PDB file of N, CA and C in Angstrom:
ATOM      1  N   MET A   1      48.276 117.441  38.059  1.00  0.00           N
ATOM      2  CA  MET A   1      48.253 116.779  39.354  1.00  0.00           C
ATOM      3  C   MET A   1      48.491 115.292  39.124  1.00  0.00           C
ATOM      4  N   SER A   2      49.392 114.713  39.850  1.00  0.00           N
ATOM      5  CA  SER A   2      49.680 113.287  39.709  1.00  0.00           C
ATOM      6  C   SER A   2      48.860 112.489  40.704  1.00  0.00           C
ATOM      7  N   ASP A   3      48.847 111.169  40.505  1.00  0.00           N
ATOM      8  CA  ASP A   3      48.148 110.307  41.454  1.00  0.00           C
ATOM      9  C   ASP A   3      48.708 110.455  42.853  1.00  0.00           C
ATOM     10  N   SER A   4      50.005 110.760  42.966  1.00  0.00           N
ATOM     11  CA  SER A   4      50.588 110.907  44.299  1.00  0.00           C
ATOM     12  C   SER A   4      50.080 112.162  44.991  1.00  0.00           C
ATOM     13  N   ASP A   5      49.644 113.161  44.216  1.00  0.00           N
ATOM     14  CA  ASP A   5      49.087 114.377  44.803  1.00  0.00           C
ATOM     15  C   ASP A   5      47.673 114.145  45.332  1.00  0.00           C
ATOM     16  N   CYS A   6      46.962 113.256  44.698  1.00  0.00           N
ATOM     17  CA  CYS A   6      45.577 112.969  45.097  1.00  0.00           C
ATOM     18  C   CYS A   6      45.307 111.505  44.795  1.00  0.00           C
ATOM     19  N   SER A   7      45.497 110.648  45.782  1.00  0.00           N
ATOM     20  CA  SER A   7      45.423 109.208  45.536  1.00  0.00           C
ATOM     21  C   SER A   7      43.998 108.707  45.346  1.00  0.00           C
ATOM     22  N   GLU A   8      43.021 109.432  45.797  1.00  0.00           N
ATOM     23  CA  GLU A   8      41.632 108.989  45.673  1.00  0.00           C
ATOM     24  C   GLU A   8      40.840 109.980  44.829  1.00  0.00           C
ATOM     25  N   TRP A   9      40.269 109.496  43.763  1.00  0.00           N
ATOM     26  CA  TRP A   9      39.392 110.270  42.892  1.00  0.00           C
ATOM     27  C   TRP A   9      38.033 109.580  42.947  1.00  0.00           C
ATOM     28  N   LEU A  10      37.102 110.125  43.693  1.00  0.00           N
ATOM     29  CA  LEU A  10      35.802 109.497  43.904  1.00  0.00           C
ATOM     30  C   LEU A  10      35.974 108.065  44.392  1.00  0.00           C
ATOM     31  N   GLY A  11      36.921 107.873  45.310  1.00  0.00           N
ATOM     32  CA  GLY A  11      37.124 106.573  45.928  1.00  0.00           C
ATOM     33  C   GLY A  11      37.978 105.606  45.139  1.00  0.00           C
ATOM     34  N   GLN A  12      38.634 106.076  44.095  1.00  0.00           N
ATOM     35  CA  GLN A  12      39.470 105.192  43.279  1.00  0.00           C
ATOM     36  C   GLN A  12      40.656 105.965  42.733  1.00  0.00           C
ATOM     37  N   GLY A  13      41.618 105.260  42.175  1.00  0.00           N
ATOM     38  CA  GLY A  13      42.757 105.913  41.550  1.00  0.00           C
ATOM     39  C   GLY A  13      42.343 106.654  40.292  1.00  0.00           C
ATOM     40  N   ARG A  14      43.168 107.586  39.868  1.00  0.00           N
ATOM     41  CA  ARG A  14      42.853 108.410  38.701  1.00  0.00           C
ATOM     42  C   ARG A  14      42.641 107.566  37.445  1.00  0.00           C
ATOM     43  N   GLU A  15      43.510 106.581  37.207  1.00  0.00           N
ATOM     44  CA  GLU A  15      43.368 105.760  35.999  1.00  0.00           C
ATOM     45  C   GLU A  15      42.038 105.010  35.987  1.00  0.00           C
ATOM     46  N   ALA A  16      41.629 104.494  37.133  1.00  0.00           N
ATOM     47  CA  ALA A  16      40.346 103.787  37.213  1.00  0.00           C
ATOM     48  C   ALA A  16      39.186 104.746  36.964  1.00  0.00           C
ATOM     49  N   LEU A  17      39.265 105.961  37.520  1.00  0.00           N
ATOM     50  CA  LEU A  17      38.212 106.951  37.302  1.00  0.00           C
ATOM     51  C   LEU A  17      38.125 107.332  35.829  1.00  0.00           C
ATOM     52  N   VAL A  18      39.270 107.580  35.200  1.00  0.00           N
ATOM     53  CA  VAL A  18      39.279 107.946  33.780  1.00  0.00           C
ATOM     54  C   VAL A  18      38.675 106.823  32.941  1.00  0.00           C
ATOM     55  N   ALA A  19      39.036 105.577  33.239  1.00  0.00           N
ATOM     56  CA  ALA A  19      38.479 104.439  32.498  1.00  0.00           C
ATOM     57  C   ALA A  19      36.965 104.365  32.678  1.00  0.00           C
ATOM     58  N   GLN A  20      36.483 104.600  33.894  1.00  0.00           N
ATOM     59  CA  GLN A  20      35.044 104.548  34.148  1.00  0.00           C
ATOM     60  C   GLN A  20      34.327 105.686  33.424  1.00  0.00           C
ATOM     61  N   LEU A  21      34.920 106.877  33.420  1.00  0.00           N
ATOM     62  CA  LEU A  21      34.321 108.003  32.698  1.00  0.00           C
ATOM     63  C   LEU A  21      34.297 107.741  31.194  1.00  0.00           C
ATOM     64  N   ARG A  22      35.332 107.077  30.671  1.00  0.00           N
ATOM     65  CA  ARG A  22      35.339 106.724  29.244  1.00  0.00           C
ATOM     66  C   ARG A  22      34.225 105.736  28.918  1.00  0.00           C
ATOM     67  N   ARG A  23      34.007 104.750  29.798  1.00  0.00           N
ATOM     68  CA  ARG A  23      32.910 103.803  29.579  1.00  0.00           C
ATOM     69  C   ARG A  23      31.569 104.538  29.590  1.00  0.00           C
ATOM     70  N   LEU A  24      31.426 105.491  30.522  1.00  0.00           N
ATOM     71  CA  LEU A  24      30.199 106.284  30.578  1.00  0.00           C
ATOM     72  C   LEU A  24      30.018 107.066  29.282  1.00  0.00           C
ATOM     73  N   ALA A  25      31.080 107.741  28.821  1.00  0.00           N
ATOM     74  CA  ALA A  25      30.996 108.516  27.581  1.00  0.00           C
ATOM     75  C   ALA A  25      30.641 107.614  26.401  1.00  0.00           C
ATOM     76  N   ASP A  26      31.243 106.438  26.329  1.00  0.00           N
ATOM     77  CA  ASP A  26      30.921 105.487  25.259  1.00  0.00           C
ATOM     78  C   ASP A  26      29.452 105.090  25.318  1.00  0.00           C
ATOM     79  N   ASP A  27      28.955 104.807  26.513  1.00  0.00           N
ATOM     80  CA  ASP A  27      27.546 104.433  26.670  1.00  0.00           C
ATOM     81  C   ASP A  27      26.625 105.565  26.232  1.00  0.00           C
ATOM     82  N   LEU A  28      26.941 106.790  26.626  1.00  0.00           N
ATOM     83  CA  LEU A  28      26.092 107.927  26.269  1.00  0.00           C
ATOM     84  C   LEU A  28      26.080 108.150  24.762  1.00  0.00           C
ATOM     85  N   GLU A  29      27.215 107.888  24.096  1.00  0.00           N
ATOM     86  CA  GLU A  29      27.275 108.051  22.640  1.00  0.00           C
ATOM     87  C   GLU A  29      26.448 106.998  21.905  1.00  0.00           C
ATOM     88  N   THR A  30      26.223 105.842  22.503  1.00  0.00           N
ATOM     89  CA  THR A  30      25.497 104.767  21.820  1.00  0.00           C
ATOM     90  C   THR A  30      23.982 104.832  22.002  1.00  0.00           C
ATOM     91  N   ILE A  31      23.489 105.771  22.800  1.00  0.00           N
ATOM     92  CA  ILE A  31      22.046 105.860  23.038  1.00  0.00           C
ATOM     93  C   ILE A  31      21.320 106.042  21.707  1.00  0.00           C
ATOM     94  N   GLY A  32      20.361 105.173  21.459  1.00  0.00           N
ATOM     95  CA  GLY A  32      19.564 105.244  20.245  1.00  0.00           C
ATOM     96  C   GLY A  32      20.168 104.535  19.046  1.00  0.00           C
ATOM     97  N   ARG A  33      21.365 103.993  19.181  1.00  0.00           N
ATOM     98  CA  ARG A  33      22.015 103.292  18.068  1.00  0.00           C
ATOM     99  C   ARG A  33      21.784 101.790  18.163  1.00  0.00           C
ATOM    100  N   LEU A  34      22.396 101.063  17.243  1.00  0.00           N
ATOM    101  CA  LEU A  34      22.333  99.605  17.224  1.00  0.00           C
ATOM    102  C   LEU A  34      22.779  99.041  18.567  1.00  0.00           C
ATOM    103  N   ASN A  35      22.168  97.945  18.986  1.00  0.00           N
ATOM    104  CA  ASN A  35      22.473  97.280  20.262  1.00  0.00           C
ATOM    105  C   ASN A  35      22.086  98.128  21.471  1.00  0.00           C
ATOM    106  N   TRP A  36      21.102  98.984  21.301  1.00  0.00           N
ATOM    107  CA  TRP A  36      20.584  99.764  22.418  1.00  0.00           C
ATOM    108  C   TRP A  36      19.089  99.544  22.456  1.00  0.00           C
ATOM    109  N   PRO A  37      18.452  99.406  23.544  1.00  0.00           N
ATOM    110  CA  PRO A  37      19.000  99.464  24.897  1.00  0.00           C
ATOM    111  C   PRO A  37      19.819  98.216  25.234  1.00  0.00           C
ATOM    112  N   PRO A  38      20.724  98.354  26.196  1.00  0.00           N
ATOM    113  CA  PRO A  38      21.624  97.254  26.542  1.00  0.00           C
ATOM    114  C   PRO A  38      20.886  96.092  27.203  1.00  0.00           C
ATOM    115  N   SER A  39      21.253  94.882  26.827  1.00  0.00           N
ATOM    116  CA  SER A  39      20.594  93.696  27.379  1.00  0.00           C
ATOM    117  C   SER A  39      21.048  93.380  28.794  1.00  0.00           C
ATOM    118  N   ASP A  40      22.181  93.936  29.230  1.00  0.00           N
ATOM    119  CA  ASP A  40      22.707  93.617  30.565  1.00  0.00           C
ATOM    120  C   ASP A  40      22.371  94.681  31.609  1.00  0.00           C
ATOM    121  N   ALA A  41      21.436  95.591  31.286  1.00  0.00           N
ATOM    122  CA  ALA A  41      21.059  96.629  32.250  1.00  0.00           C
ATOM    123  C   ALA A  41      20.397  95.996  33.471  1.00  0.00           C
ATOM    124  N   VAL A  42      20.726  96.506  34.650  1.00  0.00           N
ATOM    125  CA  VAL A  42      20.126  96.029  35.899  1.00  0.00           C
ATOM    126  C   VAL A  42      18.678  96.511  35.952  1.00  0.00           C
ATOM    127  N   TYR A  43      17.746  95.627  36.273  1.00  0.00           N
ATOM    128  CA  TYR A  43      16.328  95.960  36.406  1.00  0.00           C
ATOM    129  C   TYR A  43      16.108  96.523  37.807  1.00  0.00           C
ATOM    130  N   ILE A  44      15.450  97.687  37.924  1.00  0.00           N
ATOM    131  CA  ILE A  44      15.180  98.297  39.233  1.00  0.00           C
ATOM    132  C   ILE A  44      13.678  98.506  39.369  1.00  0.00           C
ATOM    133  N   ASN A  45      13.114  98.017  40.466  1.00  0.00           N
ATOM    134  CA  ASN A  45      11.685  98.104  40.726  1.00  0.00           C
ATOM    135  C   ASN A  45      11.431  99.088  41.863  1.00  0.00           C
ATOM    136  N   ASP A  46      10.202  99.544  41.999  1.00  0.00           N
ATOM    137  CA  ASP A  46       9.820 100.480  43.069  1.00  0.00           C
ATOM    138  C   ASP A  46      10.789 101.652  43.127  1.00  0.00           C
ATOM    139  N   TRP A  47      11.129 102.212  41.984  1.00  0.00           N
ATOM    140  CA  TRP A  47      12.169 103.235  41.900  1.00  0.00           C
ATOM    141  C   TRP A  47      11.575 104.638  41.874  1.00  0.00           C
ATOM    142  N   PHE A  48      12.399 105.575  42.235  1.00  0.00           N
ATOM    143  CA  PHE A  48      12.112 106.997  42.049  1.00  0.00           C
ATOM    144  C   PHE A  48      13.440 107.716  41.927  1.00  0.00           C
ATOM    145  N   VAL A  49      13.421 108.923  41.381  1.00  0.00           N
ATOM    146  CA  VAL A  49      14.643 109.717  41.288  1.00  0.00           C
ATOM    147  C   VAL A  49      14.815 110.404  42.627  1.00  0.00           C
ATOM    148  N   GLY A  50      15.837 110.002  43.354  1.00  0.00           N
ATOM    149  CA  GLY A  50      16.125 110.578  44.661  1.00  0.00           C
ATOM    150  C   GLY A  50      17.048 111.771  44.530  1.00  0.00           C
ATOM    151  N   ARG A  51      17.326 112.384  45.644  1.00  0.00           N
ATOM    152  CA  ARG A  51      18.252 113.515  45.651  1.00  0.00           C
ATOM    153  C   ARG A  51      19.301 113.311  46.721  1.00  0.00           C
ATOM    154  N   ARG A  52      20.511 113.470  46.317  1.00  0.00           N
ATOM    155  CA  ARG A  52      21.631 113.639  47.226  1.00  0.00           C
ATOM    156  C   ARG A  52      22.257 114.902  46.686  1.00  0.00           C
ATOM    157  N   ALA A  53      23.513 115.074  46.719  1.00  0.00           N
ATOM    158  CA  ALA A  53      24.086 116.263  46.092  1.00  0.00           C
ATOM    159  C   ALA A  53      23.865 116.211  44.579  1.00  0.00           C
ATOM    160  N   VAL A  54      23.541 115.019  44.069  1.00  0.00           N
ATOM    161  CA  VAL A  54      23.263 114.803  42.648  1.00  0.00           C
ATOM    162  C   VAL A  54      22.039 113.896  42.532  1.00  0.00           C
ATOM    163  N   SER A  55      21.414 113.872  41.353  1.00  0.00           N
ATOM    164  CA  SER A  55      20.280 112.971  41.135  1.00  0.00           C
ATOM    165  C   SER A  55      20.758 111.530  41.109  1.00  0.00           C
ATOM    166  N   CYS A  56      19.926 110.642  41.643  1.00  0.00           N
ATOM    167  CA  CYS A  56      20.252 109.221  41.699  1.00  0.00           C
ATOM    168  C   CYS A  56      18.948 108.437  41.644  1.00  0.00           C
ATOM    169  N   LEU A  57      19.049 107.137  41.455  1.00  0.00           N
ATOM    170  CA  LEU A  57      17.887 106.252  41.540  1.00  0.00           C
ATOM    171  C   LEU A  57      17.852 105.612  42.916  1.00  0.00           C
ATOM    172  N   VAL A  58      16.672 105.501  43.470  1.00  0.00           N
ATOM    173  CA  VAL A  58      16.456 104.787  44.725  1.00  0.00           C
ATOM    174  C   VAL A  58      15.436 103.703  44.405  1.00  0.00           C
ATOM    175  N   GLY A  59      15.709 102.486  44.788  1.00  0.00           N
ATOM    176  CA  GLY A  59      14.769 101.416  44.490  1.00  0.00           C
ATOM    177  C   GLY A  59      15.287 100.058  44.912  1.00  0.00           C
ATOM    178  N   ARG A  60      14.705  99.023  44.335  1.00  0.00           N
ATOM    179  CA  ARG A  60      15.045  97.632  44.667  1.00  0.00           C
ATOM    180  C   ARG A  60      15.491  96.932  43.385  1.00  0.00           C
ATOM    181  N   PRO A  61      16.791  96.676  43.243  1.00  0.00           N
ATOM    182  CA  PRO A  61      17.308  96.122  41.994  1.00  0.00           C
ATOM    183  C   PRO A  61      17.096  94.616  41.859  1.00  0.00           C
ATOM    184  N   LEU A  62      17.100  94.164  40.627  1.00  0.00           N
ATOM    185  CA  LEU A  62      17.116  92.737  40.285  1.00  0.00           C
ATOM    186  C   LEU A  62      18.272  92.536  39.310  1.00  0.00           C
ATOM    187  N   GLY A  63      19.209  91.682  39.659  1.00  0.00           N
ATOM    188  CA  GLY A  63      20.336  91.408  38.779  1.00  0.00           C
ATOM    189  C   GLY A  63      21.516  92.344  38.946  1.00  0.00           C
ATOM    190  N   HIS A  64      21.560  93.072  40.048  1.00  0.00           N
ATOM    191  CA  HIS A  64      22.707  93.947  40.312  1.00  0.00           C
ATOM    192  C   HIS A  64      23.903  93.069  40.682  1.00  0.00           C
ATOM    193  N   PRO A  65      25.111  93.431  40.213  1.00  0.00           N
ATOM    194  CA  PRO A  65      26.262  92.566  40.487  1.00  0.00           C
ATOM    195  C   PRO A  65      26.705  92.531  41.950  1.00  0.00           C
ATOM    196  N   PHE A  66      26.332  93.519  42.759  1.00  0.00           N
ATOM    197  CA  PHE A  66      26.820  93.574  44.141  1.00  0.00           C
ATOM    198  C   PHE A  66      25.725  93.650  45.196  1.00  0.00           C
ATOM    199  N   ILE A  67      24.482  93.939  44.799  1.00  0.00           N
ATOM    200  CA  ILE A  67      23.384  94.112  45.750  1.00  0.00           C
ATOM    201  C   ILE A  67      22.382  92.981  45.535  1.00  0.00           C
ATOM    202  N   ASP A  68      21.992  92.322  46.619  1.00  0.00           N
ATOM    203  CA  ASP A  68      21.040  91.213  46.524  1.00  0.00           C
ATOM    204  C   ASP A  68      19.716  91.686  45.933  1.00  0.00           C
ATOM    205  N   ASN A  69      19.086  90.816  45.156  1.00  0.00           N
ATOM    206  CA  ASN A  69      17.794  91.128  44.541  1.00  0.00           C
ATOM    207  C   ASN A  69      16.786  91.595  45.583  1.00  0.00           C
ATOM    208  N   GLY A  70      16.133  92.717  45.293  1.00  0.00           N
ATOM    209  CA  GLY A  70      15.083  93.232  46.147  1.00  0.00           C
ATOM    210  C   GLY A  70      15.534  94.059  47.327  1.00  0.00           C
ATOM    211  N   HIS A  71      16.839  94.107  47.603  1.00  0.00           N
ATOM    212  CA  HIS A  71      17.322  94.914  48.722  1.00  0.00           C
ATOM    213  C   HIS A  71      17.361  96.383  48.307  1.00  0.00           C
ATOM    214  N   PRO A  72      16.995  97.302  49.205  1.00  0.00           N
ATOM    215  CA  PRO A  72      17.006  98.723  48.857  1.00  0.00           C
ATOM    216  C   PRO A  72      18.401  99.182  48.437  1.00  0.00           C
ATOM    217  N   MET A  73      18.438 100.105  47.477  1.00  0.00           N
ATOM    218  CA  MET A  73      19.707 100.653  47.014  1.00  0.00           C
ATOM    219  C   MET A  73      19.537 102.094  46.582  1.00  0.00           C
ATOM    220  N   VAL A  74      20.652 102.799  46.563  1.00  0.00           N
ATOM    221  CA  VAL A  74      20.749 104.148  46.013  1.00  0.00           C
ATOM    222  C   VAL A  74      21.841 104.086  44.956  1.00  0.00           C
ATOM    223  N   SER A  75      21.529 104.504  43.741  1.00  0.00           N
ATOM    224  CA  SER A  75      22.509 104.425  42.659  1.00  0.00           C
ATOM    225  C   SER A  75      23.547 105.530  42.785  1.00  0.00           C
ATOM    226  N   SER A  76      24.559 105.424  41.971  1.00  0.00           N
ATOM    227  CA  SER A  76      25.483 106.534  41.809  1.00  0.00           C
ATOM    228  C   SER A  76      24.778 107.619  40.983  1.00  0.00           C
ATOM    229  N   GLU A  77      25.443 108.719  40.737  1.00  0.00           N
ATOM    230  CA  GLU A  77      24.869 109.864  40.038  1.00  0.00           C
ATOM    231  C   GLU A  77      24.277 109.479  38.689  1.00  0.00           C
ATOM    232  N   LEU A  78      23.083 110.025  38.398  1.00  0.00           N
ATOM    233  CA  LEU A  78      22.441 109.789  37.105  1.00  0.00           C
ATOM    234  C   LEU A  78      23.004 110.726  36.047  1.00  0.00           C
ATOM    235  N   PHE A  79      23.306 110.164  34.879  1.00  0.00           N
ATOM    236  CA  PHE A  79      23.778 110.952  33.749  1.00  0.00           C
ATOM    237  C   PHE A  79      22.780 110.960  32.602  1.00  0.00           C
ATOM    238  N   PHE A  80      21.872 109.985  32.574  1.00  0.00           N
ATOM    239  CA  PHE A  80      20.901 109.883  31.487  1.00  0.00           C
ATOM    240  C   PHE A  80      19.679 109.142  32.005  1.00  0.00           C
ATOM    241  N   MET A  81      18.495 109.598  31.566  1.00  0.00           N
ATOM    242  CA  MET A  81      17.268 108.883  31.906  1.00  0.00           C
ATOM    243  C   MET A  81      16.274 109.070  30.774  1.00  0.00           C
ATOM    244  N   ASP A  82      15.691 107.960  30.328  1.00  0.00           N
ATOM    245  CA  ASP A  82      14.639 107.977  29.320  1.00  0.00           C
ATOM    246  C   ASP A  82      13.486 107.148  29.872  1.00  0.00           C
ATOM    247  N   VAL A  83      12.568 107.816  30.556  1.00  0.00           N
ATOM    248  CA  VAL A  83      11.447 107.125  31.193  1.00  0.00           C
ATOM    249  C   VAL A  83      10.557 106.470  30.140  1.00  0.00           C
ATOM    250  N   ASP A  84      10.365 107.119  28.988  1.00  0.00           N
ATOM    251  CA  ASP A  84       9.508 106.562  27.940  1.00  0.00           C
ATOM    252  C   ASP A  84      10.007 105.200  27.456  1.00  0.00           C
ATOM    253  N   HIS A  85      11.310 105.035  27.346  1.00  0.00           N
ATOM    254  CA  HIS A  85      11.890 103.762  26.910  1.00  0.00           C
ATOM    255  C   HIS A  85      12.321 102.891  28.087  1.00  0.00           C
ATOM    256  N   GLY A  86      12.286 103.435  29.310  1.00  0.00           N
ATOM    257  CA  GLY A  86      12.545 102.641  30.502  1.00  0.00           C
ATOM    258  C   GLY A  86      14.002 102.357  30.806  1.00  0.00           C
ATOM    259  N   TYR A  87      14.890 103.317  30.522  1.00  0.00           N
ATOM    260  CA  TYR A  87      16.313 103.118  30.796  1.00  0.00           C
ATOM    261  C   TYR A  87      16.917 104.340  31.466  1.00  0.00           C
ATOM    262  N   ALA A  88      17.935 104.086  32.278  1.00  0.00           N
ATOM    263  CA  ALA A  88      18.706 105.160  32.912  1.00  0.00           C
ATOM    264  C   ALA A  88      20.163 104.719  32.972  1.00  0.00           C
ATOM    265  N   ARG A  89      21.085 105.689  32.913  1.00  0.00           N
ATOM    266  CA  ARG A  89      22.521 105.389  33.042  1.00  0.00           C
ATOM    267  C   ARG A  89      23.056 106.194  34.201  1.00  0.00           C
ATOM    268  N   SER A  90      23.514 105.495  35.221  1.00  0.00           N
ATOM    269  CA  SER A  90      24.175 106.146  36.351  1.00  0.00           C
ATOM    270  C   SER A  90      25.665 106.209  36.040  1.00  0.00           C
ATOM    271  N   PHE A  91      26.422 106.746  36.973  1.00  0.00           N
ATOM    272  CA  PHE A  91      27.871 106.806  36.791  1.00  0.00           C
ATOM    273  C   PHE A  91      28.450 105.419  36.563  1.00  0.00           C
ATOM    274  N   SER A  92      27.890 104.408  37.223  1.00  0.00           N
ATOM    275  CA  SER A  92      28.513 103.084  37.188  1.00  0.00           C
ATOM    276  C   SER A  92      27.845 102.056  36.280  1.00  0.00           C
ATOM    277  N   ARG A  93      26.550 102.211  35.933  1.00  0.00           N
ATOM    278  CA  ARG A  93      25.908 101.153  35.150  1.00  0.00           C
ATOM    279  C   ARG A  93      24.569 101.618  34.571  1.00  0.00           C
ATOM    280  N   TRP A  94      24.032 100.785  33.663  1.00  0.00           N
ATOM    281  CA  TRP A  94      22.703 100.969  33.098  1.00  0.00           C
ATOM    282  C   TRP A  94      21.659 100.367  34.024  1.00  0.00           C
ATOM    283  N   TYR A  95      20.452 100.935  34.005  1.00  0.00           N
ATOM    284  CA  TYR A  95      19.292 100.387  34.711  1.00  0.00           C
ATOM    285  C   TYR A  95      18.115 100.335  33.747  1.00  0.00           C
ATOM    286  N   ARG A  96      17.337  99.248  33.826  1.00  0.00           N
ATOM    287  CA  ARG A  96      16.041  99.159  33.154  1.00  0.00           C
ATOM    288  C   ARG A  96      15.011  99.546  34.202  1.00  0.00           C
ATOM    289  N   LEU A  97      14.175 100.496  33.893  1.00  0.00           N
ATOM    290  CA  LEU A  97      13.234 101.023  34.878  1.00  0.00           C
ATOM    291  C   LEU A  97      11.984 100.165  34.950  1.00  0.00           C
ATOM    292  N   GLY A  98      11.681  99.683  36.139  1.00  0.00           N
ATOM    293  CA  GLY A  98      10.450  98.941  36.385  1.00  0.00           C
ATOM    294  C   GLY A  98       9.378  99.905  36.868  1.00  0.00           C
ATOM    295  N   THR A  99       8.690  99.535  37.921  1.00  0.00           N
ATOM    296  CA  THR A  99       7.593 100.318  38.465  1.00  0.00           C
ATOM    297  C   THR A  99       8.110 101.558  39.183  1.00  0.00           C
ATOM    298  N   GLN A 100       7.615 102.728  38.787  1.00  0.00           N
ATOM    299  CA  GLN A 100       7.960 103.976  39.476  1.00  0.00           C
ATOM    300  C   GLN A 100       6.933 104.211  40.568  1.00  0.00           C
ATOM    301  N   ILE A 101       7.397 104.607  41.748  1.00  0.00           N
ATOM    302  CA  ILE A 101       6.465 104.825  42.859  1.00  0.00           C
ATOM    303  C   ILE A 101       6.418 106.279  43.306  1.00  0.00           C
ATOM    304  N   GLY A 102       6.950 107.203  42.538  1.00  0.00           N
ATOM    305  CA  GLY A 102       6.911 108.614  42.889  1.00  0.00           C
ATOM    306  C   GLY A 102       8.235 109.279  42.602  1.00  0.00           C
ATOM    307  N   ASP A 103       8.461 110.414  43.286  1.00  0.00           N
ATOM    308  CA  ASP A 103       9.741 111.105  43.166  1.00  0.00           C
ATOM    309  C   ASP A 103      10.211 111.508  44.553  1.00  0.00           C
ATOM    310  N   ALA A 104      11.356 112.166  44.624  1.00  0.00           N
ATOM    311  CA  ALA A 104      11.943 112.513  45.920  1.00  0.00           C
ATOM    312  C   ALA A 104      11.003 113.388  46.739  1.00  0.00           C
ATOM    313  N   ASP A 105      10.296 114.316  46.086  1.00  0.00           N
ATOM    314  CA  ASP A 105       9.382 115.188  46.826  1.00  0.00           C
ATOM    315  C   ASP A 105       8.249 114.387  47.460  1.00  0.00           C
ATOM    316  N   ASP A 106       7.714 113.391  46.731  1.00  0.00           N
ATOM    317  CA  ASP A 106       6.665 112.533  47.298  1.00  0.00           C
ATOM    318  C   ASP A 106       7.168 111.833  48.553  1.00  0.00           C
ATOM    319  N   HIS A 107       8.359 111.281  48.496  1.00  0.00           N
ATOM    320  CA  HIS A 107       8.898 110.523  49.623  1.00  0.00           C
ATOM    321  C   HIS A 107       9.282 111.426  50.786  1.00  0.00           C
ATOM    322  N   ASN A 108       9.752 112.631  50.497  1.00  0.00           N
ATOM    323  CA  ASN A 108      10.080 113.559  51.583  1.00  0.00           C
ATOM    324  C   ASN A 108       8.825 114.013  52.319  1.00  0.00           C
ATOM    325  N   ARG A 109       7.698 114.157  51.613  1.00  0.00           N
ATOM    326  CA  ARG A 109       6.443 114.552  52.260  1.00  0.00           C
ATOM    327  C   ARG A 109       5.913 113.449  53.166  1.00  0.00           C
ATOM    328  N   ARG A 110       6.215 112.187  52.855  1.00  0.00           N
ATOM    329  CA  ARG A 110       5.719 111.058  53.646  1.00  0.00           C
ATOM    330  C   ARG A 110       6.504 110.838  54.929  1.00  0.00           C
ATOM    331  N   ARG A 111       7.679 111.421  55.045  1.00  0.00           N
ATOM    332  CA  ARG A 111       8.513 111.196  56.229  1.00  0.00           C
ATOM    333  C   ARG A 111       7.875 111.834  57.454  1.00  0.00           C
ATOM    334  N   PRO A 112       7.895 111.138  58.570  1.00  0.00           N
ATOM    335  CA  PRO A 112       7.373 111.735  59.801  1.00  0.00           C
ATOM    336  C   PRO A 112       8.238 112.923  60.217  1.00  0.00           C
ATOM    337  N   GLN A 113       7.602 113.928  60.713  1.00  0.00           N
ATOM    338  CA  GLN A 113       8.341 115.131  61.141  1.00  0.00           C
ATOM    339  C   GLN A 113       8.834 114.995  62.552  1.00  0.00           C
TER     340      GLN A 113
END
């Protein structure tokens, strides 16, 4: 299938998607090696693992390149999480895990019916 057959691959061109997937694969291969955890990981506070069609982080980031500090956010799909060491890798970036406030089930139970 060429780019002309499907111009959008998860909201971007095929070459951009492939490059992003390669960066993700490179990051996953470096887990536990030298220069890990990454120093440029976005810090996320008041976080929990949310649910959409895929697992994601929901919380308030600090140092995110596009979201103002403390504003609520939902990450892209999670590919890796190490709660003991405080890191997670979503489709688009690394996160340093701050304070956890529960999980998706906790938050769904709190919603008014």
